[in-house]
């Protein structure tokens, strides 16, 4: 690895998923790990939330996790459990040791 890539890898937990600053421990698929939930994006998505069927809305969350904590990048349409709630993966991107995963669940009115 290059010196820069080594620094980025060290920053995954030390900076981006730092429990004192940006992340909290959440249970993901049965394993506790640091997770950053992008609440600002979640609020924006809820403002744009669309009704799928009468009385049913889609609840989306954008989470960031370490690839070393999570394991293989999840497939789109796979199931992800976050803090005991079941979601479907709608998008998953891995970049420099961090996964950006968009999950959604239907919820009734």
N, C-alpha and C. Protein backbone atom coordinates (compact mmCIF):
# COMPACT_ATOMS: atom_id res chain seq x y z
N UNK A 1 0.83 -1.18 0.00
CA UNK A 1 0.00 0.00 0.00
C UNK A 1 0.88 1.25 0.00
N UNK A 2 0.37 2.31 -0.61
CA UNK A 2 1.11 3.57 -0.59
C UNK A 2 0.93 4.24 0.77
N UNK A 3 1.77 5.21 1.05
CA UNK A 3 1.68 5.94 2.31
C UNK A 3 0.32 6.62 2.45
N UNK A 4 -0.18 7.17 1.35
CA UNK A 4 -1.49 7.84 1.39
C UNK A 4 -2.59 6.83 1.70
N UNK A 5 -2.58 5.68 1.05
CA UNK A 5 -3.60 4.66 1.30
C UNK A 5 -3.52 4.14 2.73
N UNK A 6 -2.32 4.05 3.27
CA UNK A 6 -2.16 3.65 4.66
C UNK A 6 -2.80 4.68 5.60
N UNK A 7 -2.62 5.96 5.29
CA UNK A 7 -3.21 7.03 6.11
C UNK A 7 -4.73 7.00 6.02
N UNK A 8 -5.27 6.79 4.83
CA UNK A 8 -6.72 6.72 4.66
C UNK A 8 -7.27 5.54 5.45
N UNK A 9 -6.63 4.39 5.36
CA UNK A 9 -7.07 3.20 6.10
C UNK A 9 -7.07 3.46 7.61
N UNK A 10 -6.07 4.15 8.10
CA UNK A 10 -5.99 4.47 9.53
C UNK A 10 -7.09 5.45 9.94
N UNK A 11 -7.50 6.31 9.02
CA UNK A 11 -8.51 7.31 9.31
C UNK A 11 -9.93 6.75 9.35
N UNK A 12 -10.16 5.55 8.83
CA UNK A 12 -11.51 4.99 8.81
C UNK A 12 -12.10 4.99 10.22
N UNK A 13 -11.41 4.40 11.18
CA UNK A 13 -11.92 4.37 12.55
C UNK A 13 -11.47 5.60 13.35
N UNK A 14 -10.28 6.10 13.07
CA UNK A 14 -9.74 7.22 13.83
C UNK A 14 -10.43 8.54 13.57
N UNK A 15 -10.99 8.70 12.36
CA UNK A 15 -11.61 9.98 12.01
C UNK A 15 -13.06 9.78 11.55
N UNK A 16 -13.25 9.10 10.44
CA UNK A 16 -14.57 9.02 9.81
C UNK A 16 -15.61 8.30 10.68
N UNK A 17 -15.21 7.23 11.35
CA UNK A 17 -16.13 6.48 12.20
C UNK A 17 -15.76 6.61 13.67
N UNK A 18 -15.19 7.74 14.04
CA UNK A 18 -14.77 8.02 15.41
C UNK A 18 -16.00 8.06 16.31
N UNK A 19 -16.00 7.22 17.35
CA UNK A 19 -17.15 7.14 18.26
C UNK A 19 -17.33 8.40 19.10
N UNK A 20 -16.29 9.19 19.28
CA UNK A 20 -16.41 10.42 20.05
C UNK A 20 -16.93 11.59 19.22
N UNK A 21 -16.92 11.45 17.91
CA UNK A 21 -17.29 12.56 17.04
C UNK A 21 -18.50 12.29 16.14
N UNK A 22 -18.39 11.26 15.29
CA UNK A 22 -19.34 11.11 14.21
C UNK A 22 -20.23 9.88 14.29
N UNK A 23 -19.81 8.83 14.97
CA UNK A 23 -20.50 7.55 14.91
C UNK A 23 -20.98 7.09 16.28
N UNK A 24 -21.86 6.10 16.24
CA UNK A 24 -22.33 5.43 17.44
C UNK A 24 -22.30 3.94 17.17
N UNK A 25 -22.32 3.16 18.24
CA UNK A 25 -22.37 1.71 18.09
C UNK A 25 -23.82 1.32 17.78
N UNK A 26 -23.98 0.56 16.69
CA UNK A 26 -25.28 0.02 16.29
C UNK A 26 -25.09 -1.46 16.02
N UNK A 27 -26.18 -2.20 16.09
CA UNK A 27 -26.13 -3.61 15.77
C UNK A 27 -26.52 -3.79 14.31
N UNK A 28 -25.59 -4.31 13.52
CA UNK A 28 -25.82 -4.53 12.10
C UNK A 28 -25.68 -6.03 11.83
N UNK A 29 -26.77 -6.63 11.42
CA UNK A 29 -26.79 -8.07 11.11
C UNK A 29 -26.23 -8.91 12.25
N UNK A 30 -26.55 -8.51 13.49
CA UNK A 30 -26.14 -9.28 14.65
C UNK A 30 -24.78 -8.92 15.24
N UNK A 31 -24.10 -7.95 14.66
CA UNK A 31 -22.77 -7.55 15.14
C UNK A 31 -22.78 -6.07 15.52
N UNK A 32 -22.28 -5.76 16.71
CA UNK A 32 -22.15 -4.36 17.12
C UNK A 32 -20.93 -3.76 16.44
N UNK A 33 -21.11 -2.57 15.84
CA UNK A 33 -20.01 -1.89 15.16
C UNK A 33 -20.29 -0.39 15.08
N UNK A 34 -19.24 0.40 14.87
CA UNK A 34 -19.45 1.84 14.67
C UNK A 34 -20.20 2.08 13.37
N UNK A 35 -21.25 2.89 13.44
CA UNK A 35 -22.06 3.23 12.27
C UNK A 35 -22.32 4.73 12.30
N UNK A 36 -22.18 5.35 11.16
CA UNK A 36 -22.56 6.75 11.02
C UNK A 36 -23.85 6.77 10.21
N UNK A 37 -24.90 7.31 10.80
CA UNK A 37 -26.18 7.46 10.10
C UNK A 37 -26.27 8.90 9.66
N UNK A 38 -26.45 9.09 8.36
CA UNK A 38 -26.52 10.44 7.80
C UNK A 38 -27.92 11.00 8.03
N UNK A 39 -28.12 11.63 9.20
CA UNK A 39 -29.44 12.14 9.56
C UNK A 39 -29.89 13.28 8.67
N UNK A 40 -28.97 14.11 8.21
CA UNK A 40 -29.37 15.22 7.34
C UNK A 40 -29.95 14.70 6.04
N UNK A 41 -29.30 13.71 5.46
CA UNK A 41 -29.82 13.12 4.23
C UNK A 41 -31.14 12.42 4.50
N UNK A 42 -31.25 11.78 5.65
CA UNK A 42 -32.49 11.10 6.01
C UNK A 42 -33.64 12.10 6.09
N UNK A 43 -33.41 13.26 6.71
CA UNK A 43 -34.45 14.28 6.82
C UNK A 43 -34.86 14.76 5.43
N UNK A 44 -33.88 15.01 4.56
CA UNK A 44 -34.19 15.44 3.20
C UNK A 44 -35.00 14.38 2.45
N UNK A 45 -34.65 13.14 2.63
CA UNK A 45 -35.38 12.06 1.97
C UNK A 45 -36.80 11.95 2.51
N UNK A 46 -36.98 12.16 3.81
CA UNK A 46 -38.32 12.11 4.37
C UNK A 46 -39.17 13.24 3.83
N UNK A 47 -38.58 14.39 3.56
CA UNK A 47 -39.32 15.50 2.96
C UNK A 47 -39.80 15.13 1.56
N UNK A 48 -38.96 14.34 0.85
CA UNK A 48 -39.30 13.94 -0.51
C UNK A 48 -39.99 12.59 -0.55
N UNK A 49 -40.32 12.05 0.62
CA UNK A 49 -40.89 10.72 0.73
C UNK A 49 -42.13 10.59 -0.15
N UNK A 50 -42.18 9.49 -0.87
CA UNK A 50 -43.31 9.27 -1.76
C UNK A 50 -44.16 8.12 -1.26
N UNK A 51 -45.44 8.26 -1.48
CA UNK A 51 -46.36 7.22 -1.08
C UNK A 51 -46.31 6.11 -2.12
N UNK A 52 -46.01 4.89 -1.69
CA UNK A 52 -45.89 3.75 -2.59
C UNK A 52 -47.27 3.17 -2.88
N UNK A 53 -48.05 2.98 -1.86
CA UNK A 53 -49.43 2.51 -1.97
C UNK A 53 -50.19 3.28 -0.90
N UNK A 54 -51.49 3.29 -0.97
CA UNK A 54 -52.26 4.07 -0.03
C UNK A 54 -51.89 3.71 1.41
N UNK A 55 -51.37 4.69 2.15
CA UNK A 55 -51.02 4.49 3.54
C UNK A 55 -49.67 3.83 3.78
N UNK A 56 -48.90 3.54 2.73
CA UNK A 56 -47.59 2.91 2.90
C UNK A 56 -46.52 3.85 2.36
N UNK A 57 -45.53 4.16 3.17
CA UNK A 57 -44.46 5.05 2.79
C UNK A 57 -43.13 4.31 2.87
N UNK A 58 -42.15 4.77 2.13
CA UNK A 58 -40.82 4.18 2.16
C UNK A 58 -39.95 5.01 3.10
N UNK A 59 -39.33 4.35 4.06
CA UNK A 59 -38.43 4.98 5.02
C UNK A 59 -37.01 4.61 4.62
N UNK A 60 -36.20 5.58 4.22
CA UNK A 60 -34.82 5.31 3.81
C UNK A 60 -33.84 5.87 4.82
N UNK A 61 -32.70 5.16 4.93
CA UNK A 61 -31.59 5.62 5.75
C UNK A 61 -30.31 5.45 4.94
N UNK A 62 -29.37 6.34 5.18
CA UNK A 62 -28.05 6.24 4.57
C UNK A 62 -27.07 6.01 5.71
N UNK A 63 -26.35 4.87 5.66
CA UNK A 63 -25.40 4.56 6.73
C UNK A 63 -24.01 4.39 6.15
N UNK A 64 -23.03 4.65 7.00
CA UNK A 64 -21.63 4.44 6.65
C UNK A 64 -21.04 3.46 7.67
N UNK A 65 -20.35 2.44 7.17
CA UNK A 65 -19.71 1.45 8.02
C UNK A 65 -18.32 1.13 7.47
N UNK A 66 -17.48 0.60 8.31
CA UNK A 66 -16.15 0.17 7.88
C UNK A 66 -16.29 -1.17 7.14
N UNK A 67 -15.61 -1.28 6.02
CA UNK A 67 -15.65 -2.54 5.27
C UNK A 67 -15.05 -3.68 6.10
N UNK A 68 -14.05 -3.38 6.93
CA UNK A 68 -13.43 -4.43 7.75
C UNK A 68 -14.37 -4.90 8.86
N UNK A 69 -15.23 -4.03 9.36
CA UNK A 69 -16.22 -4.42 10.37
C UNK A 69 -17.39 -5.16 9.75
N UNK A 70 -17.83 -4.69 8.58
CA UNK A 70 -19.05 -5.20 7.95
C UNK A 70 -18.85 -6.53 7.23
N UNK A 71 -17.74 -6.63 6.49
CA UNK A 71 -17.52 -7.82 5.66
C UNK A 71 -17.75 -7.46 4.21
N UNK A 72 -18.12 -8.45 3.37
CA UNK A 72 -18.32 -8.17 1.94
C UNK A 72 -19.42 -7.12 1.71
N UNK A 73 -19.23 -6.31 0.68
CA UNK A 73 -20.22 -5.30 0.30
C UNK A 73 -21.57 -5.99 0.06
N UNK A 74 -22.65 -5.50 0.68
CA UNK A 74 -23.94 -6.17 0.50
C UNK A 74 -24.47 -5.99 -0.92
N UNK A 75 -25.18 -6.99 -1.37
CA UNK A 75 -25.81 -6.92 -2.69
C UNK A 75 -27.08 -6.08 -2.61
N UNK A 76 -27.38 -5.39 -3.69
CA UNK A 76 -28.64 -4.65 -3.78
C UNK A 76 -29.77 -5.67 -3.74
N UNK A 77 -30.82 -5.34 -3.02
CA UNK A 77 -31.99 -6.20 -2.77
C UNK A 77 -31.77 -7.17 -1.61
N UNK A 78 -30.56 -7.21 -1.03
CA UNK A 78 -30.36 -8.10 0.11
C UNK A 78 -30.98 -7.48 1.36
N UNK A 79 -31.13 -8.28 2.39
CA UNK A 79 -31.72 -7.83 3.65
C UNK A 79 -30.60 -7.42 4.60
N UNK A 80 -30.81 -6.31 5.30
CA UNK A 80 -29.88 -5.82 6.30
C UNK A 80 -30.69 -5.52 7.56
N UNK A 81 -30.21 -5.99 8.69
CA UNK A 81 -30.87 -5.70 9.96
C UNK A 81 -30.06 -4.63 10.68
N UNK A 82 -30.72 -3.55 11.05
CA UNK A 82 -30.09 -2.45 11.78
C UNK A 82 -30.85 -2.27 13.08
N UNK A 83 -30.18 -2.54 14.19
CA UNK A 83 -30.78 -2.41 15.52
C UNK A 83 -32.11 -3.16 15.62
N UNK A 84 -32.14 -4.36 15.05
CA UNK A 84 -33.31 -5.23 15.16
C UNK A 84 -34.40 -4.97 14.14
N UNK A 85 -34.25 -3.93 13.32
CA UNK A 85 -35.26 -3.64 12.30
C UNK A 85 -34.75 -4.13 10.95
N UNK A 86 -35.65 -4.64 10.14
CA UNK A 86 -35.28 -5.21 8.86
C UNK A 86 -35.44 -4.19 7.74
N UNK A 87 -34.39 -4.07 6.92
CA UNK A 87 -34.36 -3.16 5.79
C UNK A 87 -33.91 -3.91 4.54
N UNK A 88 -34.17 -3.32 3.40
CA UNK A 88 -33.70 -3.84 2.12
C UNK A 88 -32.63 -2.89 1.61
N UNK A 89 -31.52 -3.44 1.11
CA UNK A 89 -30.43 -2.63 0.57
C UNK A 89 -30.83 -2.12 -0.81
N UNK A 90 -30.82 -0.79 -0.99
CA UNK A 90 -31.15 -0.21 -2.29
C UNK A 90 -29.92 0.25 -3.04
N UNK A 91 -28.85 0.55 -2.30
CA UNK A 91 -27.61 0.96 -2.94
C UNK A 91 -26.47 0.68 -1.96
N UNK A 92 -25.34 0.28 -2.50
CA UNK A 92 -24.16 0.02 -1.66
C UNK A 92 -22.92 0.32 -2.48
N UNK A 93 -22.07 1.19 -1.93
CA UNK A 93 -20.84 1.59 -2.60
C UNK A 93 -19.69 1.47 -1.61
N UNK A 94 -18.60 0.88 -2.04
CA UNK A 94 -17.42 0.78 -1.21
C UNK A 94 -16.33 1.68 -1.74
N UNK A 95 -15.71 2.45 -0.83
CA UNK A 95 -14.64 3.35 -1.26
C UNK A 95 -13.65 3.55 -0.12
N UNK A 96 -12.42 3.14 -0.35
CA UNK A 96 -11.32 3.37 0.60
C UNK A 96 -11.63 2.88 2.01
N UNK A 97 -12.23 1.70 2.12
CA UNK A 97 -12.46 1.10 3.43
C UNK A 97 -13.76 1.46 4.11
N UNK A 98 -14.58 2.27 3.45
CA UNK A 98 -15.88 2.64 4.01
C UNK A 98 -16.97 2.29 3.01
N UNK A 99 -18.05 1.71 3.54
CA UNK A 99 -19.22 1.43 2.71
C UNK A 99 -20.28 2.50 2.98
N UNK A 100 -20.87 2.99 1.91
CA UNK A 100 -22.03 3.86 1.97
C UNK A 100 -23.20 2.99 1.54
N UNK A 101 -24.14 2.73 2.46
CA UNK A 101 -25.23 1.80 2.19
C UNK A 101 -26.56 2.51 2.40
N UNK A 102 -27.39 2.50 1.37
CA UNK A 102 -28.73 3.06 1.47
C UNK A 102 -29.69 1.90 1.69
N UNK A 103 -30.48 2.00 2.77
CA UNK A 103 -31.42 0.95 3.10
C UNK A 103 -32.82 1.56 3.18
N UNK A 104 -33.82 0.70 2.99
CA UNK A 104 -35.19 1.21 3.08
C UNK A 104 -36.10 0.13 3.62
N UNK A 105 -37.21 0.60 4.20
CA UNK A 105 -38.25 -0.29 4.70
C UNK A 105 -39.58 0.40 4.45
N UNK A 106 -40.58 -0.38 4.17
CA UNK A 106 -41.93 0.18 4.05
C UNK A 106 -42.47 0.37 5.45
N UNK A 107 -43.22 1.41 5.61
CA UNK A 107 -43.87 1.61 6.90
C UNK A 107 -45.27 2.12 6.64
N UNK A 108 -46.19 1.63 7.42
CA UNK A 108 -47.59 2.06 7.28
C UNK A 108 -47.81 3.40 7.92
N UNK A 109 -48.90 3.99 7.59
CA UNK A 109 -49.24 5.28 8.13
C UNK A 109 -49.72 5.18 9.54
